[in-house]
Amino acid sequence: MRAWAAIPAACTAILVAAGNKPEEQARFLAEGEAKMVVARRCANCHTAGNFTKFRKDEAGWEQVMADMANRGAEIPDDDYDGIVAYLARNYGPAAKMVINRAPVEEVGKILELSKEQARSVVAWRDAKGVFRSFEDLVKVPGLDARKLESKREMLAF
């Protein structure tokens, strides 16, 4: 067993009290095999935005997993490879950000927006519904369409 799954009870209790339940965080994760495993294993201590904002290759995600293990987390061997593959596929260097699912942290990091602007994007999406195109996204007040144009190819709608 690799270190990761045994999350200290205090950590879990604090995050659950704050609304950080794996099922709630799963809504921010890309669809795919191992999505719920990632939600159960990672979202007990992290919000989805804590890790979806990064774009790492398989080796990079393995380093993250090793770092978590060094911090005392545990993960069963049968979950390890699936988690690394899921993260590398959906949050790898070439992965597009699914704007209609992305949490504030990911929106801000990938689009190089301030936290306030990223919150505006997510609030607009939650209030008005999904973005169907880039043109819908740039309607969010306070965004610079010219700046976002350079990020257009990084987005999936």
N, C-alpha and C. Protein backbone atom coordinates (compact mmCIF):
# COMPACT_ATOMS: atom_id res chain seq x y z
N MET A 1 0.85 -1.18 0.00
CA MET A 1 0.00 0.00 0.00
C MET A 1 0.89 1.23 0.00
N ARG A 2 0.60 2.16 -0.90
CA ARG A 2 1.33 3.42 -0.92
C ARG A 2 0.67 4.37 0.06
N ALA A 3 1.46 5.18 0.71
CA ALA A 3 0.90 6.12 1.68
C ALA A 3 -0.07 7.06 0.97
N TRP A 4 -1.30 7.25 1.52
CA TRP A 4 -2.25 8.25 1.03
C TRP A 4 -3.66 8.10 1.60
N ALA A 5 -4.26 6.93 1.64
CA ALA A 5 -5.68 6.79 1.92
C ALA A 5 -6.06 7.06 3.37
N ALA A 6 -5.19 6.84 4.30
CA ALA A 6 -5.54 7.02 5.71
C ALA A 6 -5.41 8.49 6.07
N ILE A 7 -6.46 9.22 5.87
CA ILE A 7 -6.49 10.64 6.16
C ILE A 7 -6.79 10.82 7.64
N PRO A 8 -6.03 11.65 8.32
CA PRO A 8 -6.31 11.85 9.74
C PRO A 8 -7.75 12.31 9.95
N ALA A 9 -8.38 11.78 10.99
CA ALA A 9 -9.78 12.09 11.27
C ALA A 9 -10.01 13.59 11.44
N ALA A 10 -9.08 14.27 12.06
CA ALA A 10 -9.24 15.71 12.28
C ALA A 10 -9.28 16.45 10.96
N CYS A 11 -8.42 16.08 10.02
CA CYS A 11 -8.39 16.70 8.70
C CYS A 11 -9.73 16.51 8.00
N THR A 12 -10.21 15.29 7.99
CA THR A 12 -11.50 14.98 7.35
C THR A 12 -12.63 15.74 8.01
N ALA A 13 -12.66 15.77 9.32
CA ALA A 13 -13.75 16.46 10.03
C ALA A 13 -13.77 17.94 9.71
N ILE A 14 -12.61 18.57 9.68
CA ILE A 14 -12.55 20.01 9.38
C ILE A 14 -13.03 20.28 7.97
N LEU A 15 -12.56 19.49 7.00
CA LEU A 15 -12.94 19.74 5.61
C LEU A 15 -14.40 19.41 5.34
N VAL A 16 -14.93 18.39 5.95
CA VAL A 16 -16.34 18.06 5.78
C VAL A 16 -17.20 19.16 6.39
N ALA A 17 -16.81 19.67 7.53
CA ALA A 17 -17.55 20.77 8.16
C ALA A 17 -17.54 22.00 7.27
N ALA A 18 -16.47 22.18 6.50
CA ALA A 18 -16.36 23.33 5.61
C ALA A 18 -17.04 23.06 4.26
N GLY A 19 -17.68 21.92 4.09
CA GLY A 19 -18.38 21.61 2.85
C GLY A 19 -17.49 20.95 1.81
N ASN A 20 -16.36 20.44 2.19
CA ASN A 20 -15.44 19.83 1.25
C ASN A 20 -15.65 18.31 1.20
N LYS A 21 -16.81 17.90 0.78
CA LYS A 21 -17.11 16.48 0.67
C LYS A 21 -16.70 16.00 -0.72
N PRO A 22 -16.16 14.79 -0.79
CA PRO A 22 -15.74 14.27 -2.10
C PRO A 22 -16.83 14.33 -3.17
N GLU A 23 -18.07 14.01 -2.79
CA GLU A 23 -19.16 14.04 -3.79
C GLU A 23 -19.37 15.45 -4.33
N GLU A 24 -19.22 16.46 -3.47
CA GLU A 24 -19.39 17.84 -3.91
C GLU A 24 -18.23 18.27 -4.80
N GLN A 25 -17.03 17.85 -4.44
CA GLN A 25 -15.86 18.21 -5.24
C GLN A 25 -15.84 17.48 -6.59
N ALA A 26 -16.48 16.33 -6.66
CA ALA A 26 -16.49 15.55 -7.91
C ALA A 26 -17.14 16.33 -9.05
N ARG A 27 -18.05 17.23 -8.75
CA ARG A 27 -18.71 18.00 -9.82
C ARG A 27 -17.73 18.87 -10.59
N PHE A 28 -16.59 19.18 -9.98
CA PHE A 28 -15.58 20.00 -10.64
C PHE A 28 -14.57 19.17 -11.43
N LEU A 29 -14.62 17.86 -11.31
CA LEU A 29 -13.64 17.00 -11.96
C LEU A 29 -14.10 16.57 -13.35
N ALA A 30 -13.14 16.37 -14.22
CA ALA A 30 -13.43 15.90 -15.58
C ALA A 30 -14.03 14.50 -15.52
N GLU A 31 -14.90 14.21 -16.46
CA GLU A 31 -15.47 12.87 -16.55
C GLU A 31 -14.37 11.89 -16.92
N GLY A 32 -14.51 10.67 -16.51
CA GLY A 32 -13.55 9.66 -16.90
C GLY A 32 -13.36 8.62 -15.82
N GLU A 33 -12.73 7.54 -16.26
CA GLU A 33 -12.44 6.45 -15.35
C GLU A 33 -11.56 6.97 -14.22
N ALA A 34 -11.87 6.62 -13.02
CA ALA A 34 -11.15 6.98 -11.79
C ALA A 34 -11.58 8.34 -11.23
N LYS A 35 -12.56 8.99 -11.85
CA LYS A 35 -13.01 10.28 -11.32
C LYS A 35 -13.42 10.18 -9.85
N MET A 36 -14.24 9.21 -9.52
CA MET A 36 -14.71 9.10 -8.14
C MET A 36 -13.62 8.61 -7.20
N VAL A 37 -12.68 7.85 -7.70
CA VAL A 37 -11.53 7.44 -6.88
C VAL A 37 -10.73 8.68 -6.52
N VAL A 38 -10.49 9.54 -7.51
CA VAL A 38 -9.77 10.80 -7.25
C VAL A 38 -10.55 11.65 -6.25
N ALA A 39 -11.84 11.74 -6.45
CA ALA A 39 -12.66 12.54 -5.51
C ALA A 39 -12.54 11.99 -4.09
N ARG A 40 -12.64 10.69 -3.94
CA ARG A 40 -12.57 10.09 -2.60
C ARG A 40 -11.18 10.22 -1.98
N ARG A 41 -10.16 10.01 -2.78
CA ARG A 41 -8.79 10.00 -2.25
C ARG A 41 -8.22 11.41 -2.09
N CYS A 42 -8.52 12.30 -3.00
CA CYS A 42 -7.88 13.63 -2.99
C CYS A 42 -8.74 14.70 -2.32
N ALA A 43 -10.05 14.64 -2.55
CA ALA A 43 -10.92 15.71 -2.07
C ALA A 43 -11.25 15.60 -0.59
N ASN A 44 -10.71 14.60 0.09
CA ASN A 44 -10.87 14.59 1.54
C ASN A 44 -10.02 15.67 2.19
N CYS A 45 -8.91 16.00 1.56
CA CYS A 45 -8.01 17.02 2.11
C CYS A 45 -7.84 18.23 1.20
N HIS A 46 -8.24 18.12 -0.05
CA HIS A 46 -8.04 19.22 -1.00
C HIS A 46 -9.35 19.52 -1.72
N THR A 47 -9.56 20.79 -2.02
CA THR A 47 -10.64 21.10 -2.95
C THR A 47 -10.16 20.69 -4.33
N ALA A 48 -11.07 20.45 -5.23
CA ALA A 48 -10.69 20.06 -6.59
C ALA A 48 -9.78 21.10 -7.22
N GLY A 49 -10.05 22.36 -6.97
CA GLY A 49 -9.24 23.43 -7.55
C GLY A 49 -7.80 23.42 -7.08
N ASN A 50 -7.54 22.79 -5.96
CA ASN A 50 -6.18 22.71 -5.44
C ASN A 50 -5.28 21.92 -6.37
N PHE A 51 -5.84 20.96 -7.09
CA PHE A 51 -5.00 20.17 -7.99
C PHE A 51 -5.39 20.29 -9.45
N THR A 52 -6.63 20.66 -9.79
CA THR A 52 -7.02 20.76 -11.20
C THR A 52 -6.38 21.97 -11.88
N LYS A 53 -5.88 22.92 -11.11
CA LYS A 53 -5.27 24.11 -11.70
C LYS A 53 -3.89 23.83 -12.29
N PHE A 54 -3.33 22.67 -11.98
CA PHE A 54 -2.01 22.32 -12.49
C PHE A 54 -2.12 21.50 -13.77
N ARG A 55 -1.13 21.61 -14.60
CA ARG A 55 -1.04 20.81 -15.81
C ARG A 55 0.31 20.08 -15.76
N LYS A 56 0.27 18.82 -15.36
CA LYS A 56 1.48 18.03 -15.20
C LYS A 56 1.40 16.76 -16.04
N ASP A 57 2.54 16.29 -16.48
CA ASP A 57 2.57 15.02 -17.19
C ASP A 57 2.53 13.90 -16.15
N GLU A 58 2.57 12.66 -16.64
CA GLU A 58 2.46 11.51 -15.73
C GLU A 58 3.54 11.53 -14.65
N ALA A 59 4.77 11.84 -15.06
CA ALA A 59 5.87 11.89 -14.08
C ALA A 59 5.62 12.98 -13.04
N GLY A 60 5.07 14.10 -13.49
CA GLY A 60 4.77 15.19 -12.56
C GLY A 60 3.71 14.80 -11.55
N TRP A 61 2.67 14.10 -12.02
CA TRP A 61 1.62 13.66 -11.09
C TRP A 61 2.15 12.58 -10.15
N GLU A 62 3.06 11.75 -10.64
CA GLU A 62 3.67 10.76 -9.75
C GLU A 62 4.47 11.45 -8.65
N GLN A 63 5.15 12.54 -8.99
CA GLN A 63 5.88 13.31 -7.97
C GLN A 63 4.93 13.89 -6.94
N VAL A 64 3.79 14.38 -7.39
CA VAL A 64 2.79 14.91 -6.46
C VAL A 64 2.33 13.81 -5.52
N MET A 65 2.06 12.64 -6.08
CA MET A 65 1.61 11.51 -5.26
C MET A 65 2.69 11.12 -4.25
N ALA A 66 3.96 11.12 -4.68
CA ALA A 66 5.06 10.79 -3.76
C ALA A 66 5.15 11.84 -2.64
N ASP A 67 4.93 13.10 -3.00
CA ASP A 67 4.95 14.15 -1.99
C ASP A 67 3.83 13.94 -0.97
N MET A 68 2.65 13.59 -1.45
CA MET A 68 1.53 13.33 -0.54
C MET A 68 1.85 12.14 0.37
N ALA A 69 2.48 11.13 -0.19
CA ALA A 69 2.86 9.96 0.61
C ALA A 69 3.87 10.36 1.68
N ASN A 70 4.81 11.22 1.32
CA ASN A 70 5.80 11.69 2.30
C ASN A 70 5.17 12.50 3.42
N ARG A 71 4.00 13.06 3.16
CA ARG A 71 3.28 13.83 4.17
C ARG A 71 2.37 12.95 5.02
N GLY A 72 2.36 11.65 4.73
CA GLY A 72 1.61 10.73 5.56
C GLY A 72 0.33 10.19 4.98
N ALA A 73 -0.02 10.60 3.79
CA ALA A 73 -1.23 10.07 3.15
C ALA A 73 -0.94 8.66 2.65
N GLU A 74 -1.97 7.85 2.51
CA GLU A 74 -1.83 6.49 2.01
C GLU A 74 -2.79 6.25 0.87
N ILE A 75 -2.37 5.43 -0.07
CA ILE A 75 -3.24 5.05 -1.17
C ILE A 75 -2.97 3.59 -1.52
N PRO A 76 -4.02 2.81 -1.67
CA PRO A 76 -3.82 1.40 -2.05
C PRO A 76 -3.22 1.31 -3.45
N ASP A 77 -2.37 0.32 -3.64
CA ASP A 77 -1.72 0.12 -4.94
C ASP A 77 -2.72 0.02 -6.08
N ASP A 78 -3.88 -0.59 -5.82
CA ASP A 78 -4.86 -0.75 -6.91
C ASP A 78 -5.52 0.55 -7.32
N ASP A 79 -5.40 1.63 -6.54
CA ASP A 79 -5.93 2.95 -6.91
C ASP A 79 -4.86 3.85 -7.52
N TYR A 80 -3.61 3.60 -7.17
CA TYR A 80 -2.52 4.51 -7.51
C TYR A 80 -2.40 4.77 -9.02
N ASP A 81 -2.27 3.72 -9.81
CA ASP A 81 -2.07 3.89 -11.25
C ASP A 81 -3.27 4.57 -11.91
N GLY A 82 -4.46 4.23 -11.46
CA GLY A 82 -5.66 4.85 -12.03
C GLY A 82 -5.72 6.34 -11.74
N ILE A 83 -5.32 6.74 -10.54
CA ILE A 83 -5.32 8.16 -10.18
C ILE A 83 -4.30 8.91 -11.02
N VAL A 84 -3.09 8.39 -11.11
CA VAL A 84 -2.04 9.06 -11.90
C VAL A 84 -2.48 9.17 -13.36
N ALA A 85 -3.02 8.11 -13.93
CA ALA A 85 -3.46 8.13 -15.33
C ALA A 85 -4.59 9.14 -15.53
N TYR A 86 -5.56 9.15 -14.62
CA TYR A 86 -6.68 10.10 -14.71
C TYR A 86 -6.16 11.54 -14.67
N LEU A 87 -5.29 11.83 -13.71
CA LEU A 87 -4.77 13.20 -13.58
C LEU A 87 -3.94 13.60 -14.79
N ALA A 88 -3.09 12.72 -15.28
CA ALA A 88 -2.25 13.03 -16.44
C ALA A 88 -3.10 13.25 -17.69
N ARG A 89 -4.14 12.46 -17.85
CA ARG A 89 -5.01 12.58 -19.02
C ARG A 89 -5.86 13.85 -18.97
N ASN A 90 -6.43 14.15 -17.82
CA ASN A 90 -7.36 15.27 -17.72
C ASN A 90 -6.74 16.58 -17.27
N TYR A 91 -5.57 16.50 -16.64
CA TYR A 91 -4.89 17.70 -16.14
C TYR A 91 -3.42 17.67 -16.53
N GLY A 92 -3.16 17.15 -17.73
CA GLY A 92 -1.81 17.11 -18.27
C GLY A 92 -1.51 18.37 -19.06
N PRO A 93 -0.28 18.49 -19.56
CA PRO A 93 0.14 19.71 -20.27
C PRO A 93 -0.74 20.07 -21.46
N ALA A 94 -1.27 19.09 -22.17
CA ALA A 94 -2.08 19.37 -23.35
C ALA A 94 -3.58 19.37 -23.06
N ALA A 95 -3.95 19.13 -21.82
CA ALA A 95 -5.38 19.04 -21.47
C ALA A 95 -6.04 20.40 -21.52
N LYS A 96 -7.20 20.42 -22.12
CA LYS A 96 -7.99 21.65 -22.14
C LYS A 96 -8.75 21.78 -20.83
N MET A 97 -9.02 23.01 -20.45
CA MET A 97 -9.83 23.26 -19.27
C MET A 97 -11.30 23.23 -19.69
N VAL A 98 -12.08 22.43 -19.02
CA VAL A 98 -13.52 22.38 -19.28
C VAL A 98 -14.14 23.51 -18.48
N ILE A 99 -14.37 24.62 -19.15
CA ILE A 99 -14.78 25.86 -18.48
C ILE A 99 -16.09 25.72 -17.72
N ASN A 100 -16.96 24.83 -18.17
CA ASN A 100 -18.25 24.67 -17.50
C ASN A 100 -18.19 23.76 -16.28
N ARG A 101 -17.02 23.26 -15.97
CA ARG A 101 -16.86 22.39 -14.82
C ARG A 101 -15.75 22.90 -13.89
N ALA A 102 -14.87 23.72 -14.40
CA ALA A 102 -13.68 24.14 -13.67
C ALA A 102 -14.00 24.97 -12.44
N PRO A 103 -13.30 24.67 -11.32
CA PRO A 103 -13.45 25.49 -10.12
C PRO A 103 -12.69 26.82 -10.26
N VAL A 104 -12.96 27.72 -9.36
CA VAL A 104 -12.37 29.06 -9.39
C VAL A 104 -10.85 29.02 -9.54
N GLU A 105 -10.19 28.17 -8.77
CA GLU A 105 -8.73 28.12 -8.79
C GLU A 105 -8.19 27.75 -10.17
N GLU A 106 -8.84 26.79 -10.81
CA GLU A 106 -8.41 26.36 -12.14
C GLU A 106 -8.67 27.46 -13.17
N VAL A 107 -9.83 28.08 -13.11
CA VAL A 107 -10.16 29.16 -14.04
C VAL A 107 -9.12 30.27 -13.92
N GLY A 108 -8.80 30.66 -12.70
CA GLY A 108 -7.83 31.73 -12.49
C GLY A 108 -6.45 31.38 -13.00
N LYS A 109 -5.98 30.18 -12.67
CA LYS A 109 -4.61 29.77 -13.05
C LYS A 109 -4.48 29.60 -14.56
N ILE A 110 -5.39 28.89 -15.18
CA ILE A 110 -5.27 28.58 -16.61
C ILE A 110 -5.49 29.83 -17.47
N LEU A 111 -6.45 30.67 -17.08
CA LEU A 111 -6.73 31.87 -17.87
C LEU A 111 -5.93 33.09 -17.41
N GLU A 112 -5.10 32.90 -16.38
CA GLU A 112 -4.28 33.98 -15.83
C GLU A 112 -5.15 35.17 -15.42
N LEU A 113 -6.17 34.87 -14.64
CA LEU A 113 -7.09 35.89 -14.13
C LEU A 113 -6.84 36.11 -12.65
N SER A 114 -7.25 37.27 -12.17
CA SER A 114 -7.21 37.51 -10.73
C SER A 114 -8.25 36.62 -10.08
N LYS A 115 -8.13 36.44 -8.78
CA LYS A 115 -9.10 35.62 -8.05
C LYS A 115 -10.51 36.22 -8.21
N GLU A 116 -10.60 37.54 -8.17
CA GLU A 116 -11.90 38.20 -8.33
C GLU A 116 -12.49 37.93 -9.72
N GLN A 117 -11.67 38.00 -10.76
CA GLN A 117 -12.15 37.72 -12.11
C GLN A 117 -12.57 36.26 -12.26
N ALA A 118 -11.78 35.36 -11.69
CA ALA A 118 -12.11 33.93 -11.77
C ALA A 118 -13.43 33.66 -11.05
N ARG A 119 -13.61 34.28 -9.89
CA ARG A 119 -14.89 34.13 -9.17
C ARG A 119 -16.04 34.66 -10.02
N SER A 120 -15.82 35.76 -10.73
CA SER A 120 -16.86 36.32 -11.59
C SER A 120 -17.26 35.35 -12.69
N VAL A 121 -16.27 34.67 -13.26
CA VAL A 121 -16.55 33.69 -14.32
C VAL A 121 -17.42 32.57 -13.78
N VAL A 122 -17.05 32.03 -12.62
CA VAL A 122 -17.81 30.91 -12.04
C VAL A 122 -19.19 31.38 -11.59
N ALA A 123 -19.28 32.57 -11.00
CA ALA A 123 -20.58 33.11 -10.57
C ALA A 123 -21.49 33.34 -11.78
N TRP A 124 -20.96 33.86 -12.85
CA TRP A 124 -21.72 34.08 -14.08
C TRP A 124 -22.23 32.75 -14.62
N ARG A 125 -21.35 31.77 -14.65
CA ARG A 125 -21.72 30.42 -15.14
C ARG A 125 -22.82 29.83 -14.27
N ASP A 126 -22.69 29.97 -12.96
CA ASP A 126 -23.69 29.42 -12.05
C ASP A 126 -25.03 30.14 -12.17
N ALA A 127 -24.99 31.44 -12.43
CA ALA A 127 -26.22 32.23 -12.52
C ALA A 127 -26.89 32.15 -13.90
N LYS A 128 -26.10 32.13 -14.96
CA LYS A 128 -26.64 32.23 -16.32
C LYS A 128 -26.66 30.90 -17.07
N GLY A 129 -25.98 29.90 -16.54
CA GLY A 129 -25.90 28.62 -17.24
C GLY A 129 -24.56 28.46 -17.93
N VAL A 130 -24.40 27.33 -18.59
CA VAL A 130 -23.11 26.99 -19.19
C VAL A 130 -22.71 27.96 -20.29
N PHE A 131 -21.40 28.06 -20.47
CA PHE A 131 -20.86 28.82 -21.60
C PHE A 131 -20.90 27.88 -22.80
N ARG A 132 -21.49 28.34 -23.87
CA ARG A 132 -21.58 27.50 -25.07
C ARG A 132 -20.43 27.78 -26.05
N SER A 133 -19.78 28.92 -25.85
CA SER A 133 -18.70 29.29 -26.77
C SER A 133 -17.79 30.31 -26.10
N PHE A 134 -16.68 30.59 -26.76
CA PHE A 134 -15.75 31.60 -26.29
C PHE A 134 -16.46 32.96 -26.21
N GLU A 135 -17.32 33.21 -27.16
CA GLU A 135 -18.05 34.48 -27.19
C GLU A 135 -18.93 34.65 -25.95
N ASP A 136 -19.50 33.56 -25.45
CA ASP A 136 -20.27 33.62 -24.20
C ASP A 136 -19.36 33.97 -23.03
N LEU A 137 -18.19 33.37 -22.99
CA LEU A 137 -17.26 33.62 -21.89
C LEU A 137 -16.85 35.08 -21.81
N VAL A 138 -16.54 35.69 -22.93
CA VAL A 138 -16.05 37.08 -22.89
C VAL A 138 -17.15 38.09 -22.57
N LYS A 139 -18.38 37.63 -22.42
CA LYS A 139 -19.47 38.50 -21.98
C LYS A 139 -19.43 38.76 -20.47
N VAL A 140 -18.64 37.97 -19.75
CA VAL A 140 -18.53 38.16 -18.30
C VAL A 140 -17.92 39.53 -18.04
N PRO A 141 -18.60 40.38 -17.29
CA PRO A 141 -18.08 41.72 -17.02
C PRO A 141 -16.71 41.67 -16.34
N GLY A 142 -15.84 42.56 -16.80
CA GLY A 142 -14.51 42.68 -16.19
C GLY A 142 -13.43 41.86 -16.85
N LEU A 143 -13.77 41.08 -17.88
CA LEU A 143 -12.76 40.27 -18.56
C LEU A 143 -12.26 41.00 -19.80
N ASP A 144 -10.99 40.81 -20.10
CA ASP A 144 -10.36 41.40 -21.27
C ASP A 144 -10.37 40.36 -22.39
N ALA A 145 -11.24 40.54 -23.37
CA ALA A 145 -11.39 39.57 -24.46
C ALA A 145 -10.09 39.38 -25.22
N ARG A 146 -9.31 40.44 -25.40
CA ARG A 146 -8.04 40.31 -26.13
C ARG A 146 -7.06 39.43 -25.36
N LYS A 147 -7.02 39.59 -24.06
CA LYS A 147 -6.13 38.76 -23.23
C LYS A 147 -6.58 37.29 -23.27
N LEU A 148 -7.88 37.08 -23.20
CA LEU A 148 -8.41 35.72 -23.21
C LEU A 148 -8.23 35.03 -24.56
N GLU A 149 -8.16 35.81 -25.62
CA GLU A 149 -8.02 35.24 -26.97
C GLU A 149 -6.80 34.31 -27.04
N SER A 150 -5.72 34.67 -26.36
CA SER A 150 -4.52 33.83 -26.39
C SER A 150 -4.71 32.51 -25.65
N LYS A 151 -5.76 32.40 -24.86
CA LYS A 151 -6.04 31.18 -24.09
C LYS A 151 -7.17 30.36 -24.73
N ARG A 152 -7.72 30.83 -25.80
CA ARG A 152 -8.90 30.22 -26.43
C ARG A 152 -8.72 28.72 -26.71
N GLU A 153 -7.57 28.33 -27.21
CA GLU A 153 -7.31 26.94 -27.57
C GLU A 153 -7.17 26.04 -26.35
N MET A 154 -7.06 26.63 -25.16
CA MET A 154 -6.93 25.85 -23.94
C MET A 154 -8.29 25.51 -23.33
N LEU A 155 -9.36 25.99 -23.96
CA LEU A 155 -10.71 25.85 -23.42
C LEU A 155 -11.53 24.80 -24.14
N ALA A 156 -12.32 24.10 -23.37
CA ALA A 156 -13.31 23.17 -23.92
C ALA A 156 -14.66 23.61 -23.35
N PHE A 157 -15.67 23.60 -24.21
CA PHE A 157 -17.02 24.04 -23.80
C PHE A 157 -17.98 22.87 -23.79
